[in-house]
Amino acid sequence: MALAQLRPSRKNDPDATRENILEVATREFVDAGFSGARVDAIAEKTRTSKRMLYYYFGSKEGLYLAVLERAYIKIRSRENGLNLNHLAPDLAMRSLITNTFDHDDANPDFVQLVSIENIHRAEHLKRSDVLRVANSGVIGLIADILKRGEEAGTFTRKIDPVDLHQMISAQCFFRVSNRHTFGAIFGRDLMDDKIKARHREMVADMILAYLQS
């Protein structure tokens, strides 16, 4: 049988159709925001119809929430794949921090989507049980590293895992979300490879120094 015959057609590949819609919708929501995005514009750029778009996601709000869930699940999946249990606590924490740094740097669309959802006071995100479960995982991961670090005498600072997650997120998120304004004010390209490498090390060093102080 020819290889072409073994490949499923796009018509019979609902996962591929759904993924195509989410990719196009992500771009539309990032560029236009939730309020400015148009379902018609999304449908025109996909490999399917507006009717199928509503079939998969129900509404514009449903599609937007699916885009948010996809973006958050991506970083949570990266974290779960780090296999940090075999690392010493300080190395595990450094790996988690730099993973967040690298993810945000490589995914400015994620940063933009989070910024857009904050404009809407997280009204869509609050409806998602998927995100509630997915985002609780990183807190458990941080709590485990902190516990191991405390037991080993590596970490002497007591800190709430959610507070630490906020600290890590803030340091990694800001340089992407504010890169344009910060760059215009100070004449510095935060995406420059040398600056990026310096900031990556600084963020990890600062947080670890806090935990070990």
Protein backbone atom coordinates (compact mmCIF):
# COMPACT_ATOMS: atom_id res chain seq x y z
CA MET A 1 0.00 0.00 0.00
CA ALA A 2 1.34 3.46 -0.90
CA LEU A 3 2.40 5.78 1.93
CA ALA A 4 -0.16 8.38 0.82
CA GLN A 5 -2.92 5.81 1.36
CA LEU A 6 -1.80 5.28 4.95
CA ARG A 7 -2.16 8.96 5.84
CA PRO A 8 -5.59 9.97 7.15
CA SER A 9 -7.25 12.75 5.23
CA ARG A 10 -7.78 16.07 7.00
CA LYS A 11 -11.54 15.50 6.80
CA ASN A 12 -11.14 12.41 8.97
CA ASP A 13 -8.64 13.91 11.39
CA PRO A 14 -10.60 15.87 13.99
CA ASP A 15 -7.51 16.36 16.19
CA ALA A 16 -5.65 18.04 13.34
CA THR A 17 -8.68 20.18 12.52
CA ARG A 18 -9.04 21.27 16.12
CA GLU A 19 -5.33 22.04 16.41
CA ASN A 20 -5.43 24.09 13.21
CA ILE A 21 -8.33 26.14 14.57
CA LEU A 22 -6.50 26.72 17.86
CA GLU A 23 -3.32 27.84 16.09
CA VAL A 24 -5.19 30.36 13.95
CA ALA A 25 -7.34 31.52 16.87
CA THR A 26 -4.28 32.06 19.05
CA ARG A 27 -2.85 34.44 16.47
CA GLU A 28 -6.16 36.31 16.16
CA PHE A 29 -6.64 36.71 19.92
CA VAL A 30 -3.01 37.75 20.43
CA ASP A 31 -3.22 40.35 17.67
CA ALA A 32 -6.71 41.70 18.36
CA GLY A 33 -7.45 40.78 21.98
CA PHE A 34 -10.59 38.97 23.05
CA SER A 35 -12.93 41.86 22.28
CA GLY A 36 -11.40 42.66 18.90
CA ALA A 37 -11.04 39.10 17.63
CA ARG A 38 -13.61 37.95 15.05
CA VAL A 39 -14.82 34.40 14.56
CA ASP A 40 -15.31 35.09 10.85
CA ALA A 41 -11.65 36.09 10.50
CA ILE A 42 -10.55 32.94 12.32
CA ALA A 43 -12.74 30.69 10.18
CA GLU A 44 -11.46 32.25 6.95
CA LYS A 45 -7.86 31.39 7.87
CA THR A 46 -8.49 27.79 8.94
CA ARG A 47 -8.83 24.62 6.90
CA THR A 48 -12.44 24.25 7.99
CA SER A 49 -15.73 26.17 8.17
CA LYS A 50 -17.26 28.55 10.68
CA ARG A 51 -19.93 25.92 11.34
CA MET A 52 -17.28 23.37 12.33
CA LEU A 53 -15.57 25.95 14.50
CA TYR A 54 -18.78 26.35 16.50
CA TYR A 55 -19.22 22.58 16.49
CA TYR A 56 -15.85 22.11 18.22
CA PHE A 57 -15.92 25.08 20.61
CA GLY A 58 -19.53 26.23 20.91
CA SER A 59 -18.87 29.97 20.91
CA LYS A 60 -16.21 32.65 20.66
CA GLU A 61 -15.83 32.46 24.43
CA GLY A 62 -15.41 28.70 24.26
CA LEU A 63 -12.74 29.03 21.59
CA TYR A 64 -10.88 31.70 23.56
CA LEU A 65 -10.93 29.55 26.69
CA ALA A 66 -9.61 26.59 24.71
CA VAL A 67 -6.76 28.79 23.46
CA LEU A 68 -5.95 29.81 27.05
CA GLU A 69 -6.07 26.22 28.27
CA ARG A 70 -3.77 25.10 25.47
CA ALA A 71 -1.25 27.83 26.32
CA TYR A 72 -1.16 27.03 30.04
CA ILE A 73 -1.08 23.28 29.54
CA LYS A 74 1.99 23.69 27.34
CA ILE A 75 4.10 25.16 30.14
CA ARG A 76 2.67 22.82 32.75
CA SER A 77 3.56 19.85 30.50
CA ARG A 78 7.10 21.18 30.14
CA GLU A 79 7.42 21.36 33.92
CA ASN A 80 6.09 17.84 34.41
CA GLY A 81 8.62 16.55 31.90
CA LEU A 82 11.65 17.94 33.72
CA ASN A 83 12.04 14.86 35.97
CA LEU A 84 13.40 16.90 38.87
CA ASN A 85 13.23 14.21 41.56
CA HIS A 86 16.69 12.88 40.77
CA LEU A 87 18.30 16.33 41.09
CA ALA A 88 19.59 17.95 44.27
CA PRO A 89 17.05 20.55 45.53
CA ASP A 90 19.08 23.61 44.46
CA LEU A 91 19.67 22.17 40.99
CA ALA A 92 16.02 21.15 40.72
CA MET A 93 14.91 24.66 41.61
CA ARG A 94 17.37 26.21 39.16
CA SER A 95 16.08 23.90 36.44
CA LEU A 96 12.48 24.88 37.18
CA ILE A 97 13.33 28.60 37.14
CA THR A 98 15.29 28.49 33.90
CA ASN A 99 12.57 26.35 32.32
CA THR A 100 10.05 29.11 33.08
CA PHE A 101 12.46 31.72 31.74
CA ASP A 102 13.03 29.78 28.52
CA HIS A 103 9.34 29.07 28.02
CA ASP A 104 8.26 32.70 28.39
CA ASP A 105 11.12 33.86 26.17
CA ALA A 106 10.16 31.41 23.42
CA ASN A 107 6.41 31.96 23.77
CA PRO A 108 5.58 35.68 23.74
CA ASP A 109 2.06 34.72 22.61
CA PHE A 110 1.53 33.07 26.00
CA VAL A 111 2.62 36.25 27.76
CA GLN A 112 0.29 38.32 25.58
CA LEU A 113 -2.65 36.00 26.21
CA VAL A 114 -2.13 36.17 29.98
CA SER A 115 -1.95 39.97 29.76
CA ILE A 116 -5.20 40.04 27.77
CA GLU A 117 -6.94 37.79 30.29
CA ASN A 118 -5.82 40.07 33.11
CA ILE A 119 -7.50 42.96 31.31
CA HIS A 120 -10.69 40.90 31.55
CA ARG A 121 -10.01 40.19 35.25
CA ALA A 122 -9.59 36.46 34.52
CA GLU A 123 -13.34 36.10 33.94
CA HIS A 124 -12.78 33.35 31.35
CA LEU A 125 -9.98 31.55 33.17
CA LYS A 126 -12.10 31.28 36.33
CA ARG A 127 -14.56 29.07 34.44
CA SER A 128 -11.96 26.45 33.58
CA ASP A 129 -11.67 23.34 35.73
CA VAL A 130 -8.91 22.20 33.38
CA LEU A 131 -6.71 25.16 34.31
CA ARG A 132 -7.49 24.86 38.00
CA VAL A 133 -6.19 21.29 38.03
CA ALA A 134 -3.28 21.91 35.64
CA ASN A 135 -1.95 24.94 37.50
CA SER A 136 -2.15 23.25 40.89
CA GLY A 137 0.50 20.81 39.67
CA VAL A 138 3.31 23.37 39.58
CA ILE A 139 2.57 24.37 43.18
CA GLY A 140 2.93 20.75 44.25
CA LEU A 141 6.19 20.53 42.31
CA ILE A 142 7.61 23.62 44.03
CA ALA A 143 6.41 22.43 47.44
CA ASP A 144 8.22 19.12 46.95
CA ILE A 145 11.50 20.81 45.99
CA LEU A 146 11.24 23.17 48.97
CA LYS A 147 10.57 20.27 51.33
CA ARG A 148 13.56 18.32 50.03
CA GLY A 149 15.72 21.43 50.25
CA GLU A 150 14.66 22.10 53.83
CA GLU A 151 15.31 18.50 54.87
CA ALA A 152 18.75 18.58 53.24
CA GLY A 153 19.63 21.93 54.82
CA THR A 154 19.97 23.50 51.36
CA PHE A 155 17.10 25.96 51.79
CA THR A 156 16.87 27.88 55.06
CA ARG A 157 14.18 30.38 54.06
CA LYS A 158 10.57 29.52 54.80
CA ILE A 159 8.36 30.52 51.88
CA ASP A 160 4.89 29.69 50.66
CA PRO A 161 5.02 27.73 47.36
CA VAL A 162 2.47 30.05 45.72
CA ASP A 163 4.54 33.09 46.73
CA LEU A 164 7.62 31.48 45.21
CA HIS A 165 5.75 30.63 42.02
CA GLN A 166 4.68 34.26 41.80
CA MET A 167 8.27 35.42 42.29
CA ILE A 168 9.55 33.13 39.53
CA SER A 169 6.73 34.06 37.15
CA ALA A 170 7.16 37.78 37.74
CA GLN A 171 10.88 37.76 36.96
CA CYS A 172 10.45 35.71 33.79
CA PHE A 173 7.22 37.33 32.60
CA PHE A 174 8.18 41.00 32.92
CA ARG A 175 11.09 40.98 30.52
CA VAL A 176 8.82 39.61 27.77
CA SER A 177 5.62 41.54 28.53
CA ASN A 178 7.45 44.87 28.95
CA ARG A 179 10.22 44.38 26.43
CA HIS A 180 8.96 47.08 24.08
CA THR A 181 8.36 49.85 26.64
CA PHE A 182 11.48 48.99 28.65
CA GLY A 183 13.54 48.89 25.47
CA ALA A 184 12.19 52.24 24.27
CA ILE A 185 12.85 53.94 27.60
CA PHE A 186 16.32 52.56 28.25
CA GLY A 187 17.51 51.80 24.73
CA ARG A 188 18.09 48.15 25.52
CA ASP A 189 17.00 45.10 23.54
CA LEU A 190 15.93 42.55 26.13
CA MET A 191 15.86 39.88 23.42
CA ASP A 192 19.57 40.30 22.71
CA ASP A 193 21.26 36.92 23.29
CA LYS A 194 23.94 38.29 25.66
CA ILE A 195 21.43 40.21 27.75
CA LYS A 196 19.08 37.25 27.75
CA ALA A 197 21.79 34.88 29.00
CA ARG A 198 22.78 37.33 31.73
CA HIS A 199 19.20 37.79 32.91
CA ARG A 200 18.56 34.04 32.85
CA GLU A 201 21.44 33.47 35.26
CA MET A 202 20.57 36.50 37.39
CA VAL A 203 16.97 35.40 37.92
CA ALA A 204 17.99 31.92 39.06
CA ASP A 205 20.83 33.23 41.24
CA MET A 206 18.60 35.81 42.97
CA ILE A 207 15.85 33.36 43.82
CA LEU A 208 18.25 30.69 45.03
CA ALA A 209 20.13 33.25 47.12
CA TYR A 210 16.83 34.22 48.74
CA LEU A 211 16.00 30.60 49.52
CA GLN A 212 19.46 29.96 50.95
CA SER A 213 19.71 33.12 53.02
